[in-house]
Amino acid sequence: MLVKILITLLILVAGALLMSGIAIYQNRLPLFSTPGVLERLRIYLTSNVAETEAEPRLPELEIRSYSGDPEYLLDQSRQAIQSLDWELVSYDANRKEIHAIVRTPLWSFRDDVLVRVRPGDYDEQSVYVRSSSRLGRGDLGKNSRNILDFYRAVEQRL
């Protein structure tokens, strides 16, 4: 009886690890880049928020700056969100902020994405992005993928 319980438990753990690995792989993240595989796995398995910063732990989450008028960049950000088929919740031109919802493909979990355009150095504007999952303790890198997809869509428009 104890052997059957241990085998069942082992199968469940192996299945959970396999599904987590598949999800991380599908998010097309730079798993082997700085700060290394173990640190990235720790972040992806224990954090349900990703946001851009001036000096982030994950280099791909550095705040990006673009030249141009802030209103133009905000509008390009809105168009990028629409091109990604994300749900546009709010667009505040005065505060230069956008709130969108991303639904995960399999279970339709919701991730909130906040975009802010702020004055940067010289004639550039900083585009800050924060993506957070509503459920769970680890996002398996999905919020980082949301940010990278958003930046890619914006850069295709500029």
N, C-alpha and C. Protein backbone atom coordinates (compact mmCIF):
# COMPACT_ATOMS: atom_id res chain seq x y z
N MET A 1 0.82 -1.20 0.00
CA MET A 1 0.00 0.00 0.00
C MET A 1 0.87 1.27 0.00
N LEU A 2 1.89 1.29 0.85
CA LEU A 2 2.78 2.44 0.93
C LEU A 2 3.51 2.66 -0.39
N VAL A 3 3.88 1.57 -1.05
CA VAL A 3 4.57 1.67 -2.34
C VAL A 3 3.66 2.31 -3.38
N LYS A 4 2.38 1.94 -3.39
CA LYS A 4 1.43 2.54 -4.34
C LYS A 4 1.27 4.03 -4.10
N ILE A 5 1.22 4.42 -2.84
CA ILE A 5 1.09 5.85 -2.50
C ILE A 5 2.33 6.61 -2.96
N LEU A 6 3.51 6.05 -2.70
CA LEU A 6 4.75 6.71 -3.11
C LEU A 6 4.86 6.81 -4.63
N ILE A 7 4.46 5.78 -5.34
CA ILE A 7 4.50 5.81 -6.80
C ILE A 7 3.53 6.86 -7.33
N THR A 8 2.33 6.90 -6.76
CA THR A 8 1.34 7.91 -7.17
C THR A 8 1.87 9.32 -6.92
N LEU A 9 2.45 9.52 -5.74
CA LEU A 9 3.01 10.82 -5.40
C LEU A 9 4.14 11.20 -6.35
N LEU A 10 5.00 10.25 -6.66
CA LEU A 10 6.10 10.48 -7.59
C LEU A 10 5.58 10.86 -8.98
N ILE A 11 4.55 10.18 -9.43
CA ILE A 11 3.96 10.49 -10.74
C ILE A 11 3.36 11.89 -10.74
N LEU A 12 2.68 12.27 -9.66
CA LEU A 12 2.09 13.61 -9.58
C LEU A 12 3.17 14.69 -9.59
N VAL A 13 4.23 14.49 -8.83
CA VAL A 13 5.33 15.47 -8.79
C VAL A 13 6.01 15.56 -10.15
N ALA A 14 6.26 14.42 -10.78
CA ALA A 14 6.89 14.42 -12.11
C ALA A 14 6.00 15.12 -13.12
N GLY A 15 4.70 14.89 -13.05
CA GLY A 15 3.76 15.56 -13.96
C GLY A 15 3.75 17.06 -13.76
N ALA A 16 3.76 17.50 -12.50
CA ALA A 16 3.78 18.94 -12.22
C ALA A 16 5.07 19.58 -12.73
N LEU A 17 6.20 18.91 -12.52
CA LEU A 17 7.47 19.43 -13.02
C LEU A 17 7.49 19.49 -14.55
N LEU A 18 6.96 18.46 -15.17
CA LEU A 18 6.91 18.43 -16.63
C LEU A 18 6.04 19.56 -17.17
N MET A 19 4.86 19.76 -16.58
CA MET A 19 3.97 20.83 -17.04
C MET A 19 4.60 22.21 -16.82
N SER A 20 5.28 22.39 -15.69
CA SER A 20 5.96 23.67 -15.43
C SER A 20 7.06 23.90 -16.45
N GLY A 21 7.83 22.88 -16.74
CA GLY A 21 8.89 22.99 -17.73
C GLY A 21 8.36 23.33 -19.11
N ILE A 22 7.26 22.70 -19.49
CA ILE A 22 6.64 22.99 -20.79
C ILE A 22 6.16 24.44 -20.84
N ALA A 23 5.54 24.91 -19.74
CA ALA A 23 5.04 26.29 -19.71
C ALA A 23 6.20 27.29 -19.83
N ILE A 24 7.28 27.05 -19.11
CA ILE A 24 8.43 27.95 -19.20
C ILE A 24 9.01 27.93 -20.61
N TYR A 25 9.10 26.76 -21.20
CA TYR A 25 9.60 26.63 -22.57
C TYR A 25 8.70 27.39 -23.55
N GLN A 26 7.39 27.27 -23.41
CA GLN A 26 6.45 27.93 -24.32
C GLN A 26 6.52 29.45 -24.20
N ASN A 27 6.96 29.96 -23.05
CA ASN A 27 7.07 31.40 -22.88
C ASN A 27 8.31 31.98 -23.55
N ARG A 28 9.13 31.12 -24.19
CA ARG A 28 10.27 31.55 -24.99
C ARG A 28 11.15 32.57 -24.25
N LEU A 29 11.59 32.19 -23.08
CA LEU A 29 12.39 33.08 -22.26
C LEU A 29 13.88 32.74 -22.39
N PRO A 30 14.74 33.71 -22.16
CA PRO A 30 16.19 33.46 -22.25
C PRO A 30 16.70 32.76 -20.99
N LEU A 31 16.31 31.52 -20.82
CA LEU A 31 16.55 30.75 -19.59
C LEU A 31 18.03 30.65 -19.24
N PHE A 32 18.90 30.59 -20.23
CA PHE A 32 20.32 30.37 -19.97
C PHE A 32 21.13 31.67 -19.93
N SER A 33 20.46 32.80 -19.98
CA SER A 33 21.14 34.10 -19.91
C SER A 33 21.33 34.52 -18.45
N THR A 34 22.04 35.62 -18.26
CA THR A 34 22.25 36.19 -16.93
C THR A 34 20.90 36.44 -16.28
N PRO A 35 20.69 36.11 -15.06
CA PRO A 35 21.62 35.72 -13.99
C PRO A 35 21.82 34.22 -13.84
N GLY A 36 21.44 33.43 -14.82
CA GLY A 36 21.65 31.99 -14.79
C GLY A 36 20.36 31.21 -14.63
N VAL A 37 20.43 29.94 -14.98
CA VAL A 37 19.24 29.07 -15.00
C VAL A 37 18.59 28.96 -13.63
N LEU A 38 19.37 28.69 -12.61
CA LEU A 38 18.78 28.48 -11.28
C LEU A 38 18.07 29.72 -10.76
N GLU A 39 18.69 30.88 -10.91
CA GLU A 39 18.06 32.12 -10.45
C GLU A 39 16.80 32.42 -11.25
N ARG A 40 16.86 32.20 -12.56
CA ARG A 40 15.68 32.43 -13.39
C ARG A 40 14.55 31.48 -12.99
N LEU A 41 14.86 30.21 -12.79
CA LEU A 41 13.82 29.27 -12.38
C LEU A 41 13.22 29.68 -11.04
N ARG A 42 14.06 30.12 -10.11
CA ARG A 42 13.56 30.58 -8.82
C ARG A 42 12.58 31.74 -9.00
N ILE A 43 12.95 32.69 -9.86
CA ILE A 43 12.08 33.84 -10.10
C ILE A 43 10.78 33.40 -10.76
N TYR A 44 10.86 32.59 -11.81
CA TYR A 44 9.67 32.17 -12.55
C TYR A 44 8.73 31.31 -11.71
N LEU A 45 9.28 30.58 -10.74
CA LEU A 45 8.46 29.69 -9.92
C LEU A 45 7.92 30.35 -8.65
N THR A 46 8.48 31.49 -8.27
CA THR A 46 8.06 32.10 -7.00
C THR A 46 7.51 33.52 -7.13
N SER A 47 7.53 34.09 -8.31
CA SER A 47 7.04 35.46 -8.48
C SER A 47 5.92 35.49 -9.51
N ASN A 48 4.87 36.24 -9.19
CA ASN A 48 3.78 36.37 -10.15
C ASN A 48 3.69 37.79 -10.71
N VAL A 49 4.79 38.53 -10.61
CA VAL A 49 4.86 39.90 -11.13
C VAL A 49 6.18 40.07 -11.87
N ALA A 50 6.12 40.77 -12.99
CA ALA A 50 7.33 41.19 -13.70
C ALA A 50 7.15 42.66 -14.03
N GLU A 51 8.20 43.43 -13.83
CA GLU A 51 8.11 44.84 -14.18
C GLU A 51 9.47 45.35 -14.62
N THR A 52 9.41 46.35 -15.46
CA THR A 52 10.65 46.94 -15.95
C THR A 52 11.22 47.85 -14.88
N GLU A 53 12.55 47.89 -14.84
CA GLU A 53 13.26 48.69 -13.85
C GLU A 53 14.53 49.25 -14.49
N ALA A 54 15.11 50.24 -13.83
CA ALA A 54 16.36 50.81 -14.33
C ALA A 54 17.50 49.79 -14.23
N GLU A 55 17.53 49.00 -13.16
CA GLU A 55 18.56 47.98 -12.97
C GLU A 55 17.89 46.67 -12.54
N PRO A 56 17.27 45.96 -13.47
CA PRO A 56 16.52 44.76 -13.12
C PRO A 56 17.41 43.53 -12.89
N ARG A 57 16.86 42.54 -12.18
CA ARG A 57 17.58 41.27 -12.00
C ARG A 57 17.66 40.53 -13.33
N LEU A 58 16.63 40.66 -14.15
CA LEU A 58 16.62 40.04 -15.47
C LEU A 58 16.86 41.13 -16.50
N PRO A 59 17.96 41.07 -17.25
CA PRO A 59 18.33 42.17 -18.16
C PRO A 59 17.26 42.55 -19.17
N GLU A 60 16.46 41.58 -19.61
CA GLU A 60 15.43 41.89 -20.61
C GLU A 60 14.31 42.76 -20.04
N LEU A 61 14.28 42.94 -18.71
CA LEU A 61 13.25 43.76 -18.09
C LEU A 61 13.73 45.17 -17.76
N GLU A 62 14.75 45.62 -18.46
CA GLU A 62 15.21 47.00 -18.30
C GLU A 62 14.21 47.93 -18.99
N ILE A 63 13.92 49.06 -18.34
CA ILE A 63 13.01 50.04 -18.93
C ILE A 63 13.57 50.48 -20.27
N ARG A 64 12.71 50.54 -21.26
CA ARG A 64 13.16 50.97 -22.59
C ARG A 64 12.70 52.41 -22.84
N SER A 65 13.55 53.14 -23.54
CA SER A 65 13.26 54.53 -23.87
C SER A 65 13.23 54.69 -25.38
N TYR A 66 12.36 55.59 -25.82
CA TYR A 66 12.19 55.83 -27.25
C TYR A 66 12.12 57.33 -27.48
N SER A 67 12.59 57.75 -28.64
CA SER A 67 12.49 59.16 -28.98
C SER A 67 11.08 59.42 -29.50
N GLY A 68 10.63 60.62 -29.26
CA GLY A 68 9.30 60.98 -29.76
C GLY A 68 8.45 61.63 -28.69
N ASP A 69 7.37 62.15 -29.15
CA ASP A 69 6.39 62.82 -28.32
C ASP A 69 5.71 61.81 -27.38
N PRO A 70 5.48 62.16 -26.11
CA PRO A 70 4.85 61.21 -25.18
C PRO A 70 3.46 60.75 -25.63
N GLU A 71 2.68 61.67 -26.19
CA GLU A 71 1.33 61.31 -26.65
C GLU A 71 1.41 60.30 -27.80
N TYR A 72 2.38 60.50 -28.68
CA TYR A 72 2.57 59.58 -29.80
C TYR A 72 2.96 58.19 -29.28
N LEU A 73 3.89 58.14 -28.33
CA LEU A 73 4.31 56.85 -27.77
C LEU A 73 3.17 56.17 -27.03
N LEU A 74 2.35 56.94 -26.34
CA LEU A 74 1.20 56.35 -25.66
C LEU A 74 0.22 55.77 -26.68
N ASP A 75 0.00 56.48 -27.77
CA ASP A 75 -0.90 55.98 -28.81
C ASP A 75 -0.32 54.73 -29.48
N GLN A 76 0.99 54.71 -29.72
CA GLN A 76 1.62 53.52 -30.30
C GLN A 76 1.53 52.34 -29.33
N SER A 77 1.61 52.63 -28.05
CA SER A 77 1.46 51.58 -27.03
C SER A 77 0.04 51.02 -27.06
N ARG A 78 -0.94 51.89 -27.20
CA ARG A 78 -2.34 51.44 -27.30
C ARG A 78 -2.53 50.56 -28.53
N GLN A 79 -1.98 50.99 -29.66
CA GLN A 79 -2.10 50.19 -30.88
C GLN A 79 -1.39 48.85 -30.75
N ALA A 80 -0.25 48.84 -30.05
CA ALA A 80 0.47 47.58 -29.82
C ALA A 80 -0.38 46.63 -29.00
N ILE A 81 -1.02 47.14 -27.97
CA ILE A 81 -1.90 46.32 -27.13
C ILE A 81 -3.05 45.75 -27.95
N GLN A 82 -3.63 46.57 -28.79
CA GLN A 82 -4.73 46.08 -29.64
C GLN A 82 -4.24 45.02 -30.63
N SER A 83 -3.04 45.19 -31.15
CA SER A 83 -2.50 44.21 -32.11
C SER A 83 -2.21 42.87 -31.44
N LEU A 84 -1.98 42.88 -30.13
CA LEU A 84 -1.73 41.65 -29.38
C LEU A 84 -3.04 40.99 -28.93
N ASP A 85 -4.16 41.60 -29.26
CA ASP A 85 -5.49 41.11 -28.86
C ASP A 85 -5.66 41.07 -27.35
N TRP A 86 -5.04 42.01 -26.67
CA TRP A 86 -5.25 42.15 -25.24
C TRP A 86 -6.47 43.02 -25.03
N GLU A 87 -7.13 42.85 -23.91
CA GLU A 87 -8.32 43.65 -23.59
C GLU A 87 -7.87 45.00 -23.02
N LEU A 88 -8.26 46.06 -23.70
CA LEU A 88 -7.92 47.41 -23.24
C LEU A 88 -8.94 47.81 -22.17
N VAL A 89 -8.49 47.99 -20.94
CA VAL A 89 -9.37 48.32 -19.83
C VAL A 89 -9.49 49.83 -19.68
N SER A 90 -8.35 50.53 -19.70
CA SER A 90 -8.40 51.98 -19.58
C SER A 90 -7.23 52.62 -20.32
N TYR A 91 -7.50 53.82 -20.80
CA TYR A 91 -6.51 54.61 -21.53
C TYR A 91 -6.61 56.02 -20.98
N ASP A 92 -5.61 56.45 -20.23
CA ASP A 92 -5.63 57.76 -19.60
C ASP A 92 -4.55 58.63 -20.23
N ALA A 93 -4.97 59.49 -21.16
CA ALA A 93 -4.02 60.34 -21.88
C ALA A 93 -3.38 61.38 -20.96
N ASN A 94 -4.12 61.84 -19.95
CA ASN A 94 -3.57 62.83 -19.03
C ASN A 94 -2.46 62.24 -18.17
N ARG A 95 -2.67 61.05 -17.65
CA ARG A 95 -1.67 60.41 -16.79
C ARG A 95 -0.66 59.61 -17.61
N LYS A 96 -0.92 59.48 -18.91
CA LYS A 96 -0.07 58.71 -19.83
C LYS A 96 0.06 57.26 -19.36
N GLU A 97 -1.10 56.65 -19.09
CA GLU A 97 -1.15 55.28 -18.60
C GLU A 97 -2.19 54.46 -19.35
N ILE A 98 -1.88 53.18 -19.49
CA ILE A 98 -2.81 52.23 -20.11
C ILE A 98 -2.88 51.00 -19.20
N HIS A 99 -4.10 50.50 -19.02
CA HIS A 99 -4.30 49.24 -18.29
C HIS A 99 -4.93 48.26 -19.27
N ALA A 100 -4.34 47.07 -19.35
CA ALA A 100 -4.86 46.03 -20.24
C ALA A 100 -4.89 44.70 -19.49
N ILE A 101 -5.67 43.77 -20.02
CA ILE A 101 -5.74 42.42 -19.46
C ILE A 101 -5.33 41.43 -20.55
N VAL A 102 -4.43 40.52 -20.15
CA VAL A 102 -3.98 39.45 -21.04
C VAL A 102 -4.57 38.16 -20.49
N ARG A 103 -5.17 37.37 -21.36
CA ARG A 103 -5.70 36.06 -20.93
C ARG A 103 -4.75 34.96 -21.39
N THR A 104 -4.46 34.03 -20.48
CA THR A 104 -3.59 32.92 -20.84
C THR A 104 -4.36 31.97 -21.76
N PRO A 105 -3.66 31.34 -22.69
CA PRO A 105 -4.35 30.52 -23.70
C PRO A 105 -5.12 29.33 -23.14
N LEU A 106 -4.53 28.57 -22.24
CA LEU A 106 -5.14 27.32 -21.83
C LEU A 106 -6.28 27.50 -20.83
N TRP A 107 -6.05 28.18 -19.74
CA TRP A 107 -7.04 28.29 -18.68
C TRP A 107 -7.72 29.65 -18.62
N SER A 108 -7.36 30.57 -19.49
CA SER A 108 -7.91 31.93 -19.50
C SER A 108 -7.68 32.68 -18.19
N PHE A 109 -6.55 32.40 -17.52
CA PHE A 109 -6.19 33.21 -16.36
C PHE A 109 -5.94 34.63 -16.84
N ARG A 110 -6.15 35.59 -15.97
CA ARG A 110 -5.98 37.00 -16.34
C ARG A 110 -4.71 37.57 -15.73
N ASP A 111 -3.97 38.26 -16.58
CA ASP A 111 -2.79 39.02 -16.13
C ASP A 111 -3.08 40.49 -16.41
N ASP A 112 -2.80 41.34 -15.43
CA ASP A 112 -2.97 42.78 -15.60
C ASP A 112 -1.67 43.39 -16.08
N VAL A 113 -1.77 44.22 -17.12
CA VAL A 113 -0.59 44.90 -17.65
C VAL A 113 -0.82 46.41 -17.54
N LEU A 114 0.13 47.09 -16.93
CA LEU A 114 0.09 48.53 -16.79
C LEU A 114 1.25 49.12 -17.58
N VAL A 115 0.96 50.09 -18.43
CA VAL A 115 1.98 50.77 -19.23
C VAL A 115 1.96 52.24 -18.86
N ARG A 116 3.14 52.79 -18.60
CA ARG A 116 3.26 54.22 -18.29
C ARG A 116 4.34 54.83 -19.18
N VAL A 117 4.04 55.96 -19.76
CA VAL A 117 5.04 56.71 -20.54
C VAL A 117 5.47 57.89 -19.68
N ARG A 118 6.77 57.98 -19.43
CA ARG A 118 7.31 59.03 -18.57
C ARG A 118 8.48 59.72 -19.28
N PRO A 119 8.70 61.00 -18.97
CA PRO A 119 9.85 61.69 -19.56
C PRO A 119 11.15 61.02 -19.16
N GLY A 120 12.03 60.87 -20.15
CA GLY A 120 13.34 60.27 -19.89
C GLY A 120 14.44 61.28 -20.13
N ASP A 121 15.61 60.80 -20.44
CA ASP A 121 16.74 61.68 -20.72
C ASP A 121 16.62 62.28 -22.12
N TYR A 122 17.07 63.50 -22.24
CA TYR A 122 17.11 64.22 -23.52
C TYR A 122 15.71 64.28 -24.12
N ASP A 123 15.54 63.87 -25.37
CA ASP A 123 14.23 63.91 -26.02
C ASP A 123 13.54 62.55 -25.99
N GLU A 124 13.99 61.66 -25.13
CA GLU A 124 13.41 60.32 -25.10
C GLU A 124 12.36 60.20 -24.00
N GLN A 125 11.48 59.23 -24.19
CA GLN A 125 10.44 58.93 -23.22
C GLN A 125 10.67 57.50 -22.73
N SER A 126 10.54 57.29 -21.44
CA SER A 126 10.66 55.94 -20.87
C SER A 126 9.29 55.27 -20.89
N VAL A 127 9.27 54.02 -21.31
CA VAL A 127 8.03 53.25 -21.33
C VAL A 127 8.17 52.14 -20.28
N TYR A 128 7.51 52.36 -19.15
CA TYR A 128 7.53 51.44 -18.02
C TYR A 128 6.38 50.45 -18.18
N VAL A 129 6.64 49.16 -17.91
CA VAL A 129 5.60 48.14 -18.04
C VAL A 129 5.62 47.25 -16.80
N ARG A 130 4.43 46.94 -16.30
CA ARG A 130 4.28 46.01 -15.17
C ARG A 130 3.20 45.01 -15.54
N SER A 131 3.52 43.73 -15.42
CA SER A 131 2.55 42.67 -15.70
C SER A 131 2.44 41.80 -14.45
N SER A 132 1.21 41.55 -14.00
CA SER A 132 1.02 40.77 -12.78
C SER A 132 -0.13 39.78 -12.96
N SER A 133 0.08 38.59 -12.44
CA SER A 133 -0.95 37.56 -12.48
C SER A 133 -1.91 37.77 -11.32
N ARG A 134 -3.18 37.49 -11.56
CA ARG A 134 -4.16 37.63 -10.49
C ARG A 134 -4.18 36.42 -9.56
N LEU A 135 -3.75 35.28 -10.07
CA LEU A 135 -3.76 34.05 -9.28
C LEU A 135 -2.37 33.43 -9.24
N GLY A 136 -2.12 32.69 -8.19
CA GLY A 136 -0.90 31.90 -8.12
C GLY A 136 0.28 32.64 -7.53
N ARG A 137 1.29 31.86 -7.16
CA ARG A 137 2.50 32.42 -6.57
C ARG A 137 3.63 32.53 -7.58
N GLY A 138 3.60 31.72 -8.60
CA GLY A 138 4.62 31.77 -9.64
C GLY A 138 3.94 31.83 -11.00
N ASP A 139 4.51 32.61 -11.90
CA ASP A 139 3.87 32.79 -13.21
C ASP A 139 4.54 32.00 -14.32
N LEU A 140 5.59 31.25 -13.99
CA LEU A 140 6.34 30.45 -14.97
C LEU A 140 6.89 31.31 -16.11
N GLY A 141 7.12 32.58 -15.80
CA GLY A 141 7.70 33.50 -16.78
C GLY A 141 6.69 34.18 -17.69
N LYS A 142 5.40 33.94 -17.48
CA LYS A 142 4.38 34.50 -18.38
C LYS A 142 4.37 36.03 -18.35
N ASN A 143 4.55 36.63 -17.18
CA ASN A 143 4.53 38.09 -17.11
C ASN A 143 5.74 38.70 -17.80
N SER A 144 6.88 38.06 -17.71
CA SER A 144 8.05 38.53 -18.48
C SER A 144 7.76 38.44 -19.97
N ARG A 145 7.13 37.36 -20.39
CA ARG A 145 6.77 37.19 -21.80
C ARG A 145 5.79 38.28 -22.23
N ASN A 146 4.83 38.64 -21.38
CA ASN A 146 3.89 39.72 -21.72
C ASN A 146 4.65 41.01 -22.00
N ILE A 147 5.61 41.33 -21.15
CA ILE A 147 6.39 42.56 -21.32
C ILE A 147 7.20 42.52 -22.61
N LEU A 148 7.86 41.40 -22.86
CA LEU A 148 8.67 41.29 -24.08
C LEU A 148 7.80 41.36 -25.33
N ASP A 149 6.62 40.74 -25.31
CA ASP A 149 5.71 40.82 -26.45
C ASP A 149 5.24 42.25 -26.67
N PHE A 150 4.95 42.95 -25.57
CA PHE A 150 4.51 44.34 -25.69
C PHE A 150 5.60 45.20 -26.32
N TYR A 151 6.82 45.12 -25.80
CA TYR A 151 7.91 45.92 -26.36
C TYR A 151 8.14 45.60 -27.84
N ARG A 152 8.08 44.33 -28.19
CA ARG A 152 8.27 43.94 -29.60
C ARG A 152 7.19 44.59 -30.47
N ALA A 153 5.94 44.56 -30.00
CA ALA A 153 4.84 45.15 -30.77
C ALA A 153 4.99 46.66 -30.90
N VAL A 154 5.45 47.32 -29.85
CA VAL A 154 5.67 48.78 -29.91
C VAL A 154 6.79 49.08 -30.90
N GLU A 155 7.88 48.35 -30.80
CA GLU A 155 9.04 48.62 -31.66
C GLU A 155 8.75 48.35 -33.13
N GLN A 156 7.81 47.48 -33.43
CA GLN A 156 7.41 47.27 -34.82
C GLN A 156 6.67 48.48 -35.37
N ARG A 157 6.12 49.31 -34.49
CA ARG A 157 5.37 50.48 -34.92
C ARG A 157 6.23 51.73 -35.03
N LEU A 158 7.38 51.72 -34.40
CA LEU A 158 8.21 52.94 -34.37
C LEU A 158 9.21 52.97 -35.51
